[in-house]
C-alpha atoms as a PDB file:
ATOM      1  CA  UNK A   1      12.785 -13.777  -4.666  1.00  0.00           C
ATOM      2  CA  UNK A   2       9.748 -11.709  -5.575  1.00  0.00           C
ATOM      3  CA  UNK A   3       8.257  -9.037  -3.353  1.00  0.00           C
ATOM      4  CA  UNK A   4       4.649 -10.026  -2.610  1.00  0.00           C
ATOM      5  CA  UNK A   5       2.152  -7.166  -2.799  1.00  0.00           C
ATOM      6  CA  UNK A   6      -1.408  -6.876  -1.529  1.00  0.00           C
ATOM      7  CA  UNK A   7      -3.414  -4.156  -3.277  1.00  0.00           C
ATOM      8  CA  UNK A   8      -6.438  -2.720  -1.444  1.00  0.00           C
ATOM      9  CA  UNK A   9      -8.716  -0.221  -3.168  1.00  0.00           C
ATOM     10  CA  UNK A  10     -12.462  -0.060  -3.789  1.00  0.00           C
ATOM     11  CA  UNK A  11     -12.043   1.410  -7.283  1.00  0.00           C
ATOM     12  CA  UNK A  12     -11.808  -1.560  -9.668  1.00  0.00           C
ATOM     13  CA  UNK A  13     -10.520   0.561 -12.560  1.00  0.00           C
ATOM     14  CA  UNK A  14      -7.674   1.890 -10.423  1.00  0.00           C
ATOM     15  CA  UNK A  15      -6.892  -1.625  -9.145  1.00  0.00           C
ATOM     16  CA  UNK A  16      -6.621  -2.868 -12.731  1.00  0.00           C
ATOM     17  CA  UNK A  17      -4.295   0.006 -13.655  1.00  0.00           C
ATOM     18  CA  UNK A  18      -2.007  -0.548 -10.669  1.00  0.00           C
ATOM     19  CA  UNK A  19      -1.910  -4.318 -11.262  1.00  0.00           C
ATOM     20  CA  UNK A  20      -0.923  -3.751 -14.887  1.00  0.00           C
ATOM     21  CA  UNK A  21       1.743  -1.257 -13.844  1.00  0.00           C
ATOM     22  CA  UNK A  22       3.153  -3.572 -11.166  1.00  0.00           C
ATOM     23  CA  UNK A  23       3.267  -6.479 -13.621  1.00  0.00           C
ATOM     24  CA  UNK A  24       6.039  -4.539 -15.374  1.00  0.00           C
ATOM     25  CA  UNK A  25       8.120  -4.048 -12.210  1.00  0.00           C
ATOM     26  CA  UNK A  26      10.853  -6.686 -11.862  1.00  0.00           C
ATOM     27  CA  UNK A  27      10.721  -8.991  -8.820  1.00  0.00           C
ATOM     28  CA  UNK A  28       7.238  -7.834  -7.788  1.00  0.00           C
ATOM     29  CA  UNK A  29       4.060  -9.929  -7.701  1.00  0.00           C
ATOM     30  CA  UNK A  30       0.535  -8.869  -6.742  1.00  0.00           C
ATOM     31  CA  UNK A  31      -0.566 -11.822  -4.614  1.00  0.00           C
ATOM     32  CA  UNK A  32      -3.942 -10.455  -3.584  1.00  0.00           C
ATOM     33  CA  UNK A  33      -6.532  -7.751  -4.027  1.00  0.00           C
ATOM     34  CA  UNK A  34      -8.975  -6.399  -1.455  1.00  0.00           C
ATOM     35  CA  UNK A  35     -11.858  -4.010  -2.075  1.00  0.00           C
ATOM     36  CA  UNK A  36     -12.309  -2.716   1.475  1.00  0.00           C
ATOM     37  CA  UNK A  37     -10.190  -2.267   4.564  1.00  0.00           C
ATOM     38  CA  UNK A  38     -11.597  -5.262   6.432  1.00  0.00           C
ATOM     39  CA  UNK A  39     -10.855  -7.542   3.506  1.00  0.00           C
ATOM     40  CA  UNK A  40      -7.339  -6.028   3.303  1.00  0.00           C
ATOM     41  CA  UNK A  41      -6.637  -7.063   6.897  1.00  0.00           C
ATOM     42  CA  UNK A  42      -8.053 -10.568   6.334  1.00  0.00           C
ATOM     43  CA  UNK A  43      -6.073 -11.033   3.109  1.00  0.00           C
ATOM     44  CA  UNK A  44      -2.874  -9.733   4.725  1.00  0.00           C
ATOM     45  CA  UNK A  45      -3.219 -12.260   7.538  1.00  0.00           C
ATOM     46  CA  UNK A  46      -3.791 -15.047   5.008  1.00  0.00           C
ATOM     47  CA  UNK A  47      -1.247 -14.075   2.314  1.00  0.00           C
ATOM     48  CA  UNK A  48       1.475 -12.443   4.444  1.00  0.00           C
ATOM     49  CA  UNK A  49       2.518  -9.921   1.771  1.00  0.00           C
ATOM     50  CA  UNK A  50       5.764  -8.007   1.969  1.00  0.00           C
ATOM     51  CA  UNK A  51       4.023  -4.762   0.993  1.00  0.00           C
ATOM     52  CA  UNK A  52       0.410  -3.588   1.313  1.00  0.00           C
ATOM     53  CA  UNK A  53      -0.738  -0.793  -0.987  1.00  0.00           C
ATOM     54  CA  UNK A  54      -3.801   0.758   0.657  1.00  0.00           C
ATOM     55  CA  UNK A  55      -6.321   3.364  -0.353  1.00  0.00           C
ATOM     56  CA  UNK A  56      -7.313   5.624   2.531  1.00  0.00           C
ATOM     57  CA  UNK A  57     -11.032   5.981   1.734  1.00  0.00           C
ATOM     58  CA  UNK A  58     -12.484   2.460   1.616  1.00  0.00           C
ATOM     59  CA  UNK A  59     -15.731   0.950   2.874  1.00  0.00           C
ATOM     60  CA  UNK A  60     -16.081  -1.172   6.035  1.00  0.00           C
ATOM     61  CA  UNK A  61     -12.693  -0.024   7.384  1.00  0.00           C
ATOM     62  CA  UNK A  62     -10.681   2.908   6.082  1.00  0.00           C
ATOM     63  CA  UNK A  63      -7.027   2.615   5.141  1.00  0.00           C
ATOM     64  CA  UNK A  64      -5.798   4.293   8.323  1.00  0.00           C
ATOM     65  CA  UNK A  65      -7.625   1.732  10.481  1.00  0.00           C
ATOM     66  CA  UNK A  66      -6.460  -1.108   8.235  1.00  0.00           C
ATOM     67  CA  UNK A  67      -2.860   0.113   8.503  1.00  0.00           C
ATOM     68  CA  UNK A  68      -3.143   0.170  12.294  1.00  0.00           C
ATOM     69  CA  UNK A  69      -4.312  -3.471  12.245  1.00  0.00           C
ATOM     70  CA  UNK A  70      -1.626  -4.514   9.759  1.00  0.00           C
ATOM     71  CA  UNK A  71       1.128  -2.926  11.852  1.00  0.00           C
ATOM     72  CA  UNK A  72       0.023  -5.093  14.803  1.00  0.00           C
ATOM     73  CA  UNK A  73       0.490  -8.375  12.903  1.00  0.00           C
ATOM     74  CA  UNK A  74       3.373 -10.648  13.985  1.00  0.00           C
ATOM     75  CA  UNK A  75       4.997 -10.078  10.562  1.00  0.00           C
ATOM     76  CA  UNK A  76       3.591  -6.731   9.410  1.00  0.00           C
ATOM     77  CA  UNK A  77       3.931  -5.759   5.762  1.00  0.00           C
ATOM     78  CA  UNK A  78       5.454  -2.492   4.646  1.00  0.00           C
ATOM     79  CA  UNK A  79       2.554  -0.125   3.996  1.00  0.00           C
ATOM     80  CA  UNK A  80       2.161   2.459   1.266  1.00  0.00           C
ATOM     81  CA  UNK A  81      -0.949   4.590   0.933  1.00  0.00           C
ATOM     82  CA  UNK A  82      -2.254   5.240  -2.589  1.00  0.00           C
ATOM     83  CA  UNK A  83      -4.781   8.018  -2.242  1.00  0.00           C
ATOM     84  CA  UNK A  84      -6.431  11.049  -3.818  1.00  0.00           C
ATOM     85  CA  UNK A  85      -6.418  12.490  -0.284  1.00  0.00           C
ATOM     86  CA  UNK A  86      -2.858  13.766  -0.560  1.00  0.00           C
ATOM     87  CA  UNK A  87      -2.805  16.398   2.158  1.00  0.00           C
ATOM     88  CA  UNK A  88      -0.254  17.269   4.808  1.00  0.00           C
ATOM     89  CA  UNK A  89      -2.767  16.141   7.454  1.00  0.00           C
ATOM     90  CA  UNK A  90      -3.051  12.662   5.930  1.00  0.00           C
ATOM     91  CA  UNK A  91       0.717  12.428   5.463  1.00  0.00           C
ATOM     92  CA  UNK A  92       1.289  13.326   9.128  1.00  0.00           C
ATOM     93  CA  UNK A  93      -1.316  10.754  10.206  1.00  0.00           C
ATOM     94  CA  UNK A  94       0.334   8.152   7.956  1.00  0.00           C
ATOM     95  CA  UNK A  95       3.765   8.918   9.415  1.00  0.00           C
ATOM     96  CA  UNK A  96       2.403   8.591  12.962  1.00  0.00           C
ATOM     97  CA  UNK A  97       1.195   5.084  12.065  1.00  0.00           C
ATOM     98  CA  UNK A  98       4.653   4.131  10.832  1.00  0.00           C
ATOM     99  CA  UNK A  99       3.550   3.864   7.212  1.00  0.00           C
ATOM    100  CA  UNK A 100       6.388   3.408   4.733  1.00  0.00           C
ATOM    101  CA  UNK A 101       5.171   5.602   1.884  1.00  0.00           C
ATOM    102  CA  UNK A 102       2.416   7.792   0.510  1.00  0.00           C
ATOM    103  CA  UNK A 103       1.610   8.147  -3.185  1.00  0.00           C
ATOM    104  CA  UNK A 104      -0.896  10.496  -4.785  1.00  0.00           C
ATOM    105  CA  UNK A 105      -3.104   8.402  -7.093  1.00  0.00           C
ATOM    106  CA  UNK A 106      -2.858  11.037  -9.804  1.00  0.00           C
ATOM    107  CA  UNK A 107       0.903  10.472 -10.010  1.00  0.00           C
ATOM    108  CA  UNK A 108       1.228   6.795  -9.095  1.00  0.00           C
ATOM    109  CA  UNK A 109       3.073   5.916 -12.314  1.00  0.00           C
ATOM    110  CA  UNK A 110       5.967   8.238 -11.396  1.00  0.00           C
ATOM    111  CA  UNK A 111       5.929   7.822  -7.616  1.00  0.00           C
ATOM    112  CA  UNK A 112       5.098   4.170  -7.001  1.00  0.00           C
ATOM    113  CA  UNK A 113       7.981   2.505  -8.846  1.00  0.00           C
ATOM    114  CA  UNK A 114      10.810   4.065  -6.767  1.00  0.00           C
ATOM    115  CA  UNK A 115       8.993   3.387  -3.487  1.00  0.00           C
ATOM    116  CA  UNK A 116       8.190  -0.249  -4.316  1.00  0.00           C
ATOM    117  CA  UNK A 117      11.734  -0.759  -5.559  1.00  0.00           C
ATOM    118  CA  UNK A 118      13.213   0.630  -2.314  1.00  0.00           C
ATOM    119  CA  UNK A 119      10.875  -1.467  -0.180  1.00  0.00           C
ATOM    120  CA  UNK A 120      11.654  -4.567  -2.243  1.00  0.00           C
ATOM    121  CA  UNK A 121      15.347  -3.880  -1.602  1.00  0.00           C
ATOM    122  CA  UNK A 122      14.646  -3.627   2.124  1.00  0.00           C
ATOM    123  CA  UNK A 123      15.262   0.088   2.451  1.00  0.00           C
ATOM    124  CA  UNK A 124      12.928   2.843   3.574  1.00  0.00           C
ATOM    125  CA  UNK A 125      13.190   6.444   2.475  1.00  0.00           C
ATOM    126  CA  UNK A 126      11.742   8.819   5.061  1.00  0.00           C
ATOM    127  CA  UNK A 127      11.121  11.423   2.343  1.00  0.00           C
ATOM    128  CA  UNK A 128       8.305   9.317   0.862  1.00  0.00           C
ATOM    129  CA  UNK A 129       5.912  10.790   3.434  1.00  0.00           C
ATOM    130  CA  UNK A 130       6.850  14.462   3.070  1.00  0.00           C
END
Protein backbone atom coordinates (compact mmCIF):
# COMPACT_ATOMS: atom_id res chain seq x y z
CA UNK A 1 0.00 0.00 0.00
CA UNK A 2 1.42 3.35 -1.03
CA UNK A 3 1.75 6.32 1.28
CA UNK A 4 -0.29 9.19 -0.20
CA UNK A 5 1.42 12.58 -0.07
CA UNK A 6 0.04 16.08 -0.52
CA UNK A 7 2.71 18.64 -1.43
CA UNK A 8 1.98 22.31 -0.68
CA UNK A 9 4.40 25.02 -1.79
CA UNK A 10 4.03 28.20 -3.83
CA UNK A 11 7.37 27.72 -5.60
CA UNK A 12 6.62 25.67 -8.74
CA UNK A 13 10.29 24.85 -9.36
CA UNK A 14 10.66 23.44 -5.86
CA UNK A 15 7.39 21.49 -6.22
CA UNK A 16 8.70 19.91 -9.43
CA UNK A 17 11.98 18.95 -7.74
CA UNK A 18 10.27 17.38 -4.73
CA UNK A 19 7.79 15.50 -6.94
CA UNK A 20 10.66 14.09 -9.00
CA UNK A 21 12.53 13.10 -5.85
CA UNK A 22 9.47 11.45 -4.29
CA UNK A 23 8.79 9.52 -7.50
CA UNK A 24 11.97 7.58 -6.70
CA UNK A 25 10.90 6.69 -3.14
CA UNK A 26 9.31 3.23 -2.94
CA UNK A 27 5.68 2.99 -1.78
CA UNK A 28 5.13 6.76 -1.97
CA UNK A 29 2.75 8.61 -4.29
CA UNK A 30 2.15 12.36 -4.60
CA UNK A 31 -1.64 12.48 -4.87
CA UNK A 32 -2.01 16.24 -4.91
CA UNK A 33 -0.29 19.59 -5.09
CA UNK A 34 -1.39 22.89 -3.55
CA UNK A 35 0.13 26.31 -4.14
CA UNK A 36 -1.15 28.06 -1.02
CA UNK A 37 -2.20 27.10 2.48
CA UNK A 38 -5.94 27.41 1.86
CA UNK A 39 -5.72 25.11 -1.14
CA UNK A 40 -3.63 22.68 0.97
CA UNK A 41 -6.44 22.41 3.52
CA UNK A 42 -9.08 21.96 0.80
CA UNK A 43 -7.02 19.32 -1.02
CA UNK A 44 -6.27 17.48 2.24
CA UNK A 45 -9.98 17.28 3.02
CA UNK A 46 -10.69 15.98 -0.49
CA UNK A 47 -7.72 13.61 -0.96
CA UNK A 48 -7.15 12.44 2.63
CA UNK A 49 -3.37 12.05 2.25
CA UNK A 50 -1.29 10.12 4.74
CA UNK A 51 1.37 12.86 4.78
CA UNK A 52 1.23 16.59 4.01
CA UNK A 53 4.48 18.31 3.09
CA UNK A 54 3.95 22.03 3.74
CA UNK A 55 5.96 25.14 3.11
CA UNK A 56 5.69 27.65 5.96
CA UNK A 57 5.58 30.86 3.89
CA UNK A 58 2.65 30.54 1.49
CA UNK A 59 -0.02 32.97 0.30
CA UNK A 60 -3.63 33.03 1.54
CA UNK A 61 -2.80 30.89 4.60
CA UNK A 62 0.69 30.16 5.89
CA UNK A 63 1.88 26.64 6.63
CA UNK A 64 1.51 27.02 10.40
CA UNK A 65 -2.17 27.95 10.02
CA UNK A 66 -2.69 25.19 7.46
CA UNK A 67 -1.10 22.66 9.82
CA UNK A 68 -3.43 23.77 12.61
CA UNK A 69 -6.43 23.16 10.33
CA UNK A 70 -5.09 19.82 9.11
CA UNK A 71 -4.52 18.59 12.67
CA UNK A 72 -8.21 19.25 13.40
CA UNK A 73 -9.44 16.97 10.59
CA UNK A 74 -11.16 13.69 11.59
CA UNK A 75 -8.26 11.78 9.96
CA UNK A 76 -5.35 14.22 10.07
CA UNK A 77 -2.31 13.55 7.90
CA UNK A 78 1.20 13.43 9.28
CA UNK A 79 2.72 16.85 8.64
CA UNK A 80 6.25 17.73 7.63
CA UNK A 81 7.35 21.30 7.03
CA UNK A 82 9.69 21.95 4.08
CA UNK A 83 11.00 25.45 4.57
CA UNK A 84 13.88 27.88 4.09
CA UNK A 85 12.82 29.29 7.48
CA UNK A 86 14.78 26.70 9.44
CA UNK A 87 15.14 28.42 12.79
CA UNK A 88 14.78 27.17 16.34
CA UNK A 89 11.73 29.44 16.72
CA UNK A 90 9.95 27.81 13.77
CA UNK A 91 10.93 24.33 14.95
CA UNK A 92 9.51 25.04 18.42
CA UNK A 93 6.30 26.41 16.88
CA UNK A 94 6.08 23.32 14.64
CA UNK A 95 6.56 21.00 17.62
CA UNK A 96 3.84 22.83 19.57
CA UNK A 97 1.45 22.13 16.68
CA UNK A 98 2.28 18.43 16.80
CA UNK A 99 4.02 18.46 13.43
CA UNK A 100 5.84 15.25 12.57
CA UNK A 101 8.96 16.65 10.91
CA UNK A 102 10.82 19.70 9.71
CA UNK A 103 13.15 19.74 6.71
CA UNK A 104 15.33 22.61 5.52
CA UNK A 105 14.63 23.09 1.79
CA UNK A 106 18.34 23.44 1.09
CA UNK A 107 18.90 19.88 2.31
CA UNK A 108 15.63 18.17 1.39
CA UNK A 109 17.35 15.46 -0.67
CA UNK A 110 19.23 14.18 2.40
CA UNK A 111 16.60 14.87 5.07
CA UNK A 112 13.26 14.11 3.43
CA UNK A 113 13.79 10.46 2.49
CA UNK A 114 14.36 9.15 6.06
CA UNK A 115 11.43 11.16 7.44
CA UNK A 116 8.99 10.06 4.72
CA UNK A 117 10.18 6.48 5.08
CA UNK A 118 9.60 6.53 8.86
CA UNK A 119 6.17 8.10 8.46
CA UNK A 120 5.25 5.60 5.75
CA UNK A 121 6.24 2.83 8.18
CA UNK A 122 4.00 4.38 10.83
CA UNK A 123 6.76 5.56 13.13
CA UNK A 124 7.63 9.06 14.28
CA UNK A 125 11.09 10.18 15.27
CA UNK A 126 10.99 13.06 17.75
CA UNK A 127 14.47 14.15 16.65
CA UNK A 128 13.12 15.34 13.28
CA UNK A 129 12.12 18.64 14.90
CA UNK A 130 15.35 19.37 16.78
